[in-house]
N, C-alpha and C. Protein backbone atom coordinates (compact mmCIF):
# COMPACT_ATOMS: atom_id res chain seq x y z
N MET A 1 0.82 -1.20 0.00
CA MET A 1 0.00 0.00 0.00
C MET A 1 0.87 1.26 0.00
N LYS A 2 1.96 1.23 0.75
CA LYS A 2 2.83 2.39 0.83
C LYS A 2 3.40 2.78 -0.54
N PRO A 3 3.89 1.83 -1.37
CA PRO A 3 4.39 2.21 -2.70
C PRO A 3 3.30 2.84 -3.57
N LEU A 4 2.07 2.35 -3.46
CA LEU A 4 0.98 2.92 -4.24
C LEU A 4 0.72 4.37 -3.81
N ARG A 5 0.70 4.61 -2.53
CA ARG A 5 0.47 5.95 -2.01
C ARG A 5 1.59 6.89 -2.47
N LEU A 6 2.83 6.41 -2.39
CA LEU A 6 3.96 7.20 -2.84
C LEU A 6 3.85 7.52 -4.34
N ALA A 7 3.44 6.54 -5.13
CA ALA A 7 3.27 6.75 -6.56
C ALA A 7 2.17 7.77 -6.84
N LEU A 8 1.08 7.71 -6.08
CA LEU A 8 -0.01 8.67 -6.27
C LEU A 8 0.44 10.08 -5.92
N VAL A 9 1.17 10.22 -4.82
CA VAL A 9 1.67 11.55 -4.42
C VAL A 9 2.63 12.08 -5.47
N ALA A 10 3.54 11.23 -5.93
CA ALA A 10 4.50 11.65 -6.96
C ALA A 10 3.77 12.07 -8.23
N GLY A 11 2.77 11.31 -8.63
CA GLY A 11 1.99 11.65 -9.82
C GLY A 11 1.27 12.98 -9.67
N ALA A 12 0.70 13.20 -8.50
CA ALA A 12 0.00 14.47 -8.25
C ALA A 12 0.97 15.64 -8.32
N LEU A 13 2.16 15.47 -7.77
CA LEU A 13 3.15 16.54 -7.83
C LEU A 13 3.58 16.83 -9.27
N LEU A 14 3.77 15.78 -10.04
CA LEU A 14 4.13 15.97 -11.44
C LEU A 14 3.03 16.68 -12.21
N LEU A 15 1.79 16.29 -11.97
CA LEU A 15 0.67 16.93 -12.66
C LEU A 15 0.53 18.39 -12.25
N SER A 16 0.73 18.70 -10.97
CA SER A 16 0.63 20.09 -10.54
C SER A 16 1.74 20.91 -11.17
N GLY A 17 2.93 20.33 -11.31
CA GLY A 17 4.02 21.02 -12.00
C GLY A 17 3.69 21.25 -13.46
N ALA A 18 3.08 20.27 -14.09
CA ALA A 18 2.68 20.42 -15.49
C ALA A 18 1.64 21.52 -15.64
N ALA A 19 0.70 21.58 -14.70
CA ALA A 19 -0.32 22.63 -14.75
C ALA A 19 0.33 24.00 -14.60
N LEU A 20 1.29 24.11 -13.68
CA LEU A 20 1.98 25.38 -13.50
C LEU A 20 2.73 25.74 -14.78
N ALA A 21 3.42 24.76 -15.35
CA ALA A 21 4.15 25.02 -16.59
C ALA A 21 3.19 25.45 -17.70
N ASP A 22 2.02 24.82 -17.79
CA ASP A 22 1.03 25.22 -18.79
C ASP A 22 0.55 26.64 -18.53
N GLY A 23 0.33 26.99 -17.26
CA GLY A 23 -0.08 28.35 -16.90
C GLY A 23 0.99 29.36 -17.28
N ASP A 24 2.26 28.99 -17.05
CA ASP A 24 3.35 29.87 -17.44
C ASP A 24 3.41 30.03 -18.95
N ARG A 25 3.24 28.94 -19.67
CA ARG A 25 3.25 29.01 -21.14
C ARG A 25 2.11 29.88 -21.65
N SER A 26 0.95 29.72 -21.05
CA SER A 26 -0.21 30.51 -21.45
C SER A 26 0.03 31.99 -21.18
N ALA A 27 0.56 32.31 -20.00
CA ALA A 27 0.83 33.71 -19.66
C ALA A 27 1.90 34.29 -20.58
N ARG A 28 2.92 33.51 -20.88
CA ARG A 28 3.98 33.97 -21.79
C ARG A 28 3.39 34.24 -23.17
N LEU A 29 2.52 33.37 -23.64
CA LEU A 29 1.86 33.58 -24.93
C LEU A 29 1.02 34.86 -24.90
N GLN A 30 0.29 35.08 -23.82
CA GLN A 30 -0.51 36.31 -23.70
C GLN A 30 0.40 37.54 -23.74
N TYR A 31 1.56 37.44 -23.08
CA TYR A 31 2.52 38.55 -23.11
C TYR A 31 2.97 38.81 -24.55
N ILE A 32 3.31 37.75 -25.26
CA ILE A 32 3.76 37.90 -26.64
C ILE A 32 2.67 38.54 -27.50
N LEU A 33 1.44 38.08 -27.33
CA LEU A 33 0.33 38.57 -28.15
C LEU A 33 -0.11 39.98 -27.80
N HIS A 34 -0.07 40.33 -26.51
CA HIS A 34 -0.69 41.58 -26.07
C HIS A 34 0.27 42.65 -25.57
N CYS A 35 1.53 42.30 -25.30
CA CYS A 35 2.41 43.26 -24.64
C CYS A 35 3.70 43.57 -25.40
N THR A 36 4.19 42.63 -26.21
CA THR A 36 5.49 42.83 -26.84
C THR A 36 5.52 43.97 -27.85
N GLY A 37 4.38 44.33 -28.39
CA GLY A 37 4.35 45.44 -29.34
C GLY A 37 4.91 46.72 -28.75
N CYS A 38 4.70 46.93 -27.47
CA CYS A 38 5.21 48.12 -26.80
C CYS A 38 6.38 47.79 -25.87
N HIS A 39 6.23 46.75 -25.07
CA HIS A 39 7.24 46.46 -24.04
C HIS A 39 8.37 45.57 -24.52
N GLN A 40 8.32 45.11 -25.77
CA GLN A 40 9.35 44.27 -26.38
C GLN A 40 9.35 42.86 -25.76
N ALA A 41 9.89 41.92 -26.48
CA ALA A 41 9.89 40.52 -26.03
C ALA A 41 10.68 40.33 -24.74
N ASP A 42 11.71 41.15 -24.56
CA ASP A 42 12.54 41.01 -23.36
C ASP A 42 12.12 41.93 -22.23
N GLY A 43 11.02 42.66 -22.41
CA GLY A 43 10.52 43.56 -21.37
C GLY A 43 11.25 44.89 -21.28
N SER A 44 12.13 45.17 -22.23
CA SER A 44 12.94 46.39 -22.16
C SER A 44 12.18 47.66 -22.52
N GLY A 45 11.00 47.53 -23.10
CA GLY A 45 10.19 48.69 -23.45
C GLY A 45 10.81 49.51 -24.56
N ALA A 46 10.37 50.75 -24.64
CA ALA A 46 10.92 51.72 -25.60
C ALA A 46 10.95 53.06 -24.89
N PRO A 47 11.90 53.22 -23.94
CA PRO A 47 11.93 54.43 -23.11
C PRO A 47 11.92 55.73 -23.90
N ASP A 48 12.59 55.76 -25.07
CA ASP A 48 12.60 56.98 -25.88
C ASP A 48 11.22 57.33 -26.42
N SER A 49 10.33 56.34 -26.46
CA SER A 49 8.96 56.56 -26.94
C SER A 49 7.95 56.62 -25.79
N GLY A 50 8.45 56.63 -24.57
CA GLY A 50 7.56 56.72 -23.41
C GLY A 50 7.03 55.39 -22.91
N VAL A 51 7.58 54.28 -23.40
CA VAL A 51 7.15 52.95 -22.94
C VAL A 51 8.22 52.43 -21.99
N PRO A 52 7.91 52.37 -20.70
CA PRO A 52 8.94 51.98 -19.73
C PRO A 52 9.31 50.51 -19.79
N SER A 53 10.53 50.24 -19.38
CA SER A 53 10.99 48.87 -19.22
C SER A 53 10.28 48.25 -18.02
N VAL A 54 10.01 46.96 -18.10
CA VAL A 54 9.46 46.25 -16.94
C VAL A 54 10.54 45.41 -16.27
N ARG A 55 11.72 45.37 -16.87
CA ARG A 55 12.81 44.55 -16.34
C ARG A 55 13.35 45.15 -15.05
N ASP A 56 13.44 44.32 -14.03
CA ASP A 56 14.05 44.68 -12.75
C ASP A 56 13.45 45.93 -12.11
N GLN A 57 12.20 46.22 -12.42
CA GLN A 57 11.52 47.37 -11.83
C GLN A 57 10.11 47.05 -11.38
N LEU A 58 9.45 46.21 -12.13
CA LEU A 58 8.02 45.97 -11.95
C LEU A 58 7.67 45.56 -10.53
N GLY A 59 8.48 44.72 -9.92
CA GLY A 59 8.20 44.26 -8.56
C GLY A 59 8.16 45.38 -7.55
N HIS A 60 8.94 46.43 -7.80
CA HIS A 60 8.93 47.58 -6.88
C HIS A 60 7.54 48.20 -6.78
N PHE A 61 6.79 48.17 -7.86
CA PHE A 61 5.46 48.78 -7.86
C PHE A 61 4.54 48.16 -6.81
N LEU A 62 4.81 46.91 -6.45
CA LEU A 62 3.98 46.23 -5.45
C LEU A 62 4.31 46.67 -4.03
N LYS A 63 5.30 47.51 -3.88
CA LYS A 63 5.72 47.95 -2.55
C LYS A 63 4.91 49.14 -2.05
N VAL A 64 4.05 49.68 -2.90
CA VAL A 64 3.11 50.73 -2.49
C VAL A 64 1.73 50.35 -3.03
N PRO A 65 0.68 50.56 -2.24
CA PRO A 65 -0.66 50.11 -2.65
C PRO A 65 -1.11 50.65 -4.01
N ASP A 66 -0.87 51.93 -4.26
CA ASP A 66 -1.32 52.47 -5.55
C ASP A 66 -0.47 51.94 -6.71
N GLY A 67 0.73 51.46 -6.41
CA GLY A 67 1.56 50.85 -7.45
C GLY A 67 1.02 49.50 -7.88
N ARG A 68 0.57 48.75 -6.89
CA ARG A 68 -0.03 47.44 -7.20
C ARG A 68 -1.28 47.65 -8.06
N ALA A 69 -2.10 48.62 -7.69
CA ALA A 69 -3.30 48.93 -8.46
C ALA A 69 -2.94 49.44 -9.86
N PHE A 70 -1.90 50.25 -9.94
CA PHE A 70 -1.49 50.85 -11.21
C PHE A 70 -1.24 49.79 -12.28
N LEU A 71 -0.59 48.69 -11.91
CA LEU A 71 -0.26 47.66 -12.90
C LEU A 71 -1.51 47.05 -13.53
N VAL A 72 -2.60 47.03 -12.80
CA VAL A 72 -3.86 46.51 -13.35
C VAL A 72 -4.60 47.60 -14.12
N LYS A 73 -4.48 48.85 -13.67
CA LYS A 73 -5.28 49.93 -14.22
C LYS A 73 -4.71 50.58 -15.47
N VAL A 74 -3.44 50.31 -15.80
CA VAL A 74 -2.90 50.90 -17.02
C VAL A 74 -3.75 50.43 -18.20
N PRO A 75 -3.87 51.25 -19.24
CA PRO A 75 -4.76 50.89 -20.34
C PRO A 75 -4.50 49.52 -20.96
N GLY A 76 -3.24 49.12 -21.07
CA GLY A 76 -2.95 47.82 -21.66
C GLY A 76 -3.56 46.67 -20.89
N SER A 77 -3.72 46.84 -19.59
CA SER A 77 -4.37 45.82 -18.75
C SER A 77 -5.87 46.06 -18.67
N SER A 78 -6.24 47.27 -18.24
CA SER A 78 -7.66 47.52 -17.95
C SER A 78 -8.54 47.47 -19.19
N ASN A 79 -8.00 47.84 -20.35
CA ASN A 79 -8.80 47.85 -21.58
C ASN A 79 -8.64 46.58 -22.40
N SER A 80 -7.88 45.65 -21.91
CA SER A 80 -7.60 44.42 -22.63
C SER A 80 -8.86 43.55 -22.75
N ALA A 81 -8.90 42.77 -23.81
CA ALA A 81 -9.99 41.79 -23.97
C ALA A 81 -9.75 40.55 -23.12
N LEU A 82 -8.59 40.47 -22.48
CA LEU A 82 -8.30 39.32 -21.61
C LEU A 82 -9.24 39.30 -20.41
N SER A 83 -9.51 38.12 -19.92
CA SER A 83 -10.34 37.99 -18.72
C SER A 83 -9.55 38.46 -17.50
N ASN A 84 -10.25 38.70 -16.42
CA ASN A 84 -9.59 39.10 -15.18
C ASN A 84 -8.61 38.04 -14.72
N ALA A 85 -8.98 36.78 -14.85
CA ALA A 85 -8.08 35.68 -14.46
C ALA A 85 -6.84 35.68 -15.34
N ASP A 86 -7.01 35.91 -16.64
CA ASP A 86 -5.86 35.93 -17.55
C ASP A 86 -4.93 37.10 -17.25
N ILE A 87 -5.50 38.25 -16.95
CA ILE A 87 -4.66 39.41 -16.61
C ILE A 87 -3.89 39.13 -15.32
N GLY A 88 -4.53 38.55 -14.35
CA GLY A 88 -3.83 38.19 -13.12
C GLY A 88 -2.67 37.25 -13.39
N ARG A 89 -2.92 36.20 -14.18
CA ARG A 89 -1.85 35.25 -14.52
C ARG A 89 -0.73 35.94 -15.29
N LEU A 90 -1.11 36.81 -16.23
CA LEU A 90 -0.12 37.52 -17.04
C LEU A 90 0.75 38.42 -16.16
N LEU A 91 0.13 39.21 -15.30
CA LEU A 91 0.90 40.08 -14.42
C LEU A 91 1.80 39.28 -13.49
N ASN A 92 1.28 38.19 -12.94
CA ASN A 92 2.10 37.35 -12.05
C ASN A 92 3.29 36.77 -12.82
N TRP A 93 3.06 36.35 -14.06
CA TRP A 93 4.15 35.83 -14.88
C TRP A 93 5.18 36.92 -15.16
N MET A 94 4.71 38.11 -15.53
CA MET A 94 5.63 39.22 -15.82
C MET A 94 6.47 39.56 -14.59
N LEU A 95 5.83 39.61 -13.44
CA LEU A 95 6.56 39.94 -12.21
C LEU A 95 7.65 38.92 -11.93
N ARG A 96 7.32 37.65 -12.06
CA ARG A 96 8.30 36.60 -11.77
C ARG A 96 9.35 36.48 -12.87
N SER A 97 8.97 36.73 -14.11
CA SER A 97 9.89 36.55 -15.23
C SER A 97 10.83 37.72 -15.43
N PHE A 98 10.34 38.93 -15.25
CA PHE A 98 11.13 40.11 -15.54
C PHE A 98 11.65 40.83 -14.30
N SER A 99 11.08 40.55 -13.15
CA SER A 99 11.39 41.40 -12.01
C SER A 99 11.38 40.65 -10.68
N ALA A 100 11.71 39.38 -10.70
CA ALA A 100 11.66 38.57 -9.47
C ALA A 100 12.53 39.15 -8.36
N SER A 101 13.66 39.73 -8.73
CA SER A 101 14.58 40.25 -7.71
C SER A 101 14.05 41.50 -7.01
N THR A 102 13.03 42.13 -7.58
CA THR A 102 12.48 43.35 -6.97
C THR A 102 11.14 43.12 -6.27
N LEU A 103 10.67 41.88 -6.26
CA LEU A 103 9.40 41.58 -5.59
C LEU A 103 9.53 41.80 -4.09
N PRO A 104 8.49 42.32 -3.45
CA PRO A 104 8.54 42.44 -1.99
C PRO A 104 8.56 41.05 -1.35
N ALA A 105 9.12 40.98 -0.15
CA ALA A 105 9.22 39.70 0.55
C ALA A 105 7.85 39.07 0.78
N ASP A 106 6.83 39.91 0.95
CA ASP A 106 5.48 39.40 1.21
C ASP A 106 4.63 39.35 -0.06
N PHE A 107 5.28 39.16 -1.21
CA PHE A 107 4.57 39.14 -2.49
C PHE A 107 3.37 38.19 -2.45
N ALA A 108 2.23 38.73 -2.84
CA ALA A 108 1.01 37.94 -3.00
C ALA A 108 0.59 38.06 -4.46
N PRO A 109 0.43 36.95 -5.15
CA PRO A 109 0.02 37.02 -6.55
C PRO A 109 -1.34 37.71 -6.72
N TYR A 110 -1.52 38.33 -7.86
CA TYR A 110 -2.82 38.91 -8.20
C TYR A 110 -3.84 37.79 -8.31
N THR A 111 -5.05 38.09 -7.88
CA THR A 111 -6.15 37.14 -8.00
C THR A 111 -7.17 37.68 -9.00
N GLU A 112 -8.01 36.81 -9.47
CA GLU A 112 -9.05 37.21 -10.41
C GLU A 112 -9.96 38.27 -9.80
N SER A 113 -10.35 38.09 -8.54
CA SER A 113 -11.26 39.05 -7.90
C SER A 113 -10.58 40.40 -7.68
N GLU A 114 -9.30 40.40 -7.35
CA GLU A 114 -8.58 41.66 -7.18
C GLU A 114 -8.51 42.41 -8.51
N VAL A 115 -8.18 41.70 -9.57
CA VAL A 115 -8.09 42.32 -10.89
C VAL A 115 -9.46 42.88 -11.29
N ALA A 116 -10.53 42.14 -11.05
CA ALA A 116 -11.88 42.62 -11.40
C ALA A 116 -12.20 43.91 -10.67
N ALA A 117 -11.90 43.97 -9.40
CA ALA A 117 -12.19 45.18 -8.61
C ALA A 117 -11.37 46.37 -9.11
N LEU A 118 -10.11 46.15 -9.41
CA LEU A 118 -9.25 47.25 -9.86
C LEU A 118 -9.61 47.71 -11.27
N ARG A 119 -9.98 46.80 -12.13
CA ARG A 119 -10.36 47.18 -13.50
C ARG A 119 -11.64 48.00 -13.53
N ALA A 120 -12.45 47.87 -12.53
CA ALA A 120 -13.73 48.59 -12.49
C ALA A 120 -13.55 50.10 -12.35
N ALA A 121 -12.36 50.53 -11.95
CA ALA A 121 -12.09 51.96 -11.78
C ALA A 121 -10.80 52.32 -12.52
N PRO A 122 -10.86 52.48 -13.86
CA PRO A 122 -9.65 52.76 -14.63
C PRO A 122 -9.05 54.13 -14.30
N LEU A 123 -7.82 54.32 -14.71
CA LEU A 123 -7.12 55.58 -14.47
C LEU A 123 -7.63 56.68 -15.40
N ASP A 124 -7.69 57.89 -14.87
CA ASP A 124 -8.04 59.04 -15.70
C ASP A 124 -6.78 59.63 -16.34
N ASP A 125 -5.68 59.64 -15.58
CA ASP A 125 -4.43 60.23 -16.05
C ASP A 125 -3.30 59.27 -15.73
N VAL A 126 -2.93 58.47 -16.71
CA VAL A 126 -1.92 57.42 -16.51
C VAL A 126 -0.58 58.03 -16.11
N ALA A 127 -0.16 59.08 -16.80
CA ALA A 127 1.15 59.68 -16.51
C ALA A 127 1.20 60.22 -15.08
N ALA A 128 0.14 60.88 -14.65
CA ALA A 128 0.12 61.43 -13.28
C ALA A 128 0.10 60.30 -12.25
N ALA A 129 -0.65 59.25 -12.53
CA ALA A 129 -0.70 58.12 -11.60
C ALA A 129 0.67 57.46 -11.48
N ARG A 130 1.34 57.27 -12.61
CA ARG A 130 2.68 56.66 -12.58
C ARG A 130 3.66 57.57 -11.84
N ALA A 131 3.58 58.87 -12.11
CA ALA A 131 4.47 59.81 -11.42
C ALA A 131 4.27 59.75 -9.91
N GLY A 132 3.02 59.62 -9.48
CA GLY A 132 2.74 59.50 -8.05
C GLY A 132 3.35 58.24 -7.45
N VAL A 133 3.24 57.14 -8.16
CA VAL A 133 3.82 55.88 -7.69
C VAL A 133 5.34 56.00 -7.62
N VAL A 134 5.93 56.56 -8.67
CA VAL A 134 7.39 56.73 -8.71
C VAL A 134 7.86 57.61 -7.57
N THR A 135 7.11 58.67 -7.26
CA THR A 135 7.47 59.55 -6.15
C THR A 135 7.42 58.81 -4.82
N ARG A 136 6.36 58.02 -4.59
CA ARG A 136 6.26 57.27 -3.33
C ARG A 136 7.37 56.22 -3.21
N LEU A 137 7.74 55.63 -4.32
CA LEU A 137 8.85 54.67 -4.29
C LEU A 137 10.17 55.40 -4.01
N ALA A 138 10.35 56.58 -4.60
CA ALA A 138 11.56 57.37 -4.36
C ALA A 138 11.68 57.73 -2.88
N GLU A 139 10.55 57.97 -2.23
CA GLU A 139 10.57 58.26 -0.79
C GLU A 139 11.07 57.07 0.01
N GLN A 140 11.00 55.88 -0.57
CA GLN A 140 11.52 54.66 0.07
C GLN A 140 12.95 54.36 -0.40
N GLY A 141 13.51 55.25 -1.21
CA GLY A 141 14.86 55.05 -1.72
C GLY A 141 14.93 54.17 -2.95
N ILE A 142 13.81 53.98 -3.62
CA ILE A 142 13.75 53.12 -4.81
C ILE A 142 13.62 54.00 -6.05
N THR A 143 14.56 53.87 -6.95
CA THR A 143 14.56 54.65 -8.19
C THR A 143 13.95 53.82 -9.32
N ILE A 144 12.97 54.40 -9.96
CA ILE A 144 12.33 53.78 -11.12
C ILE A 144 12.73 54.59 -12.34
N ARG A 145 13.18 53.89 -13.36
CA ARG A 145 13.58 54.57 -14.60
C ARG A 145 12.37 54.75 -15.49
């Protein structure tokens, strides 16, 4: 009985890993389809055109409440045809893929319900909202390019 139980546990772990890998592949595909046009495949953006890099910076946004909200409320997220669950998965993938070293220690992934609530109140002035987040991060000694 013990070998059977061990085999079942091992199988469950493998399947959960496969599901995570599928979720990562799906989120990466969504990034390619919906984000690379502006943010580039490597997340470097186009700073000269006003499109910021997400590399090694994005996680810092989660260190202030309005920064966490900002990532959902930017037009590329809030106006997207993606579902709330897909946006949550996409943002979580972007954070881990491009900015894992800047994530707060208490990082909590975006949830479908959180994304739904934040999308319900889009930004009126994206530039002003971003400037406010950048200022609050600067007060913590964090520089955002």
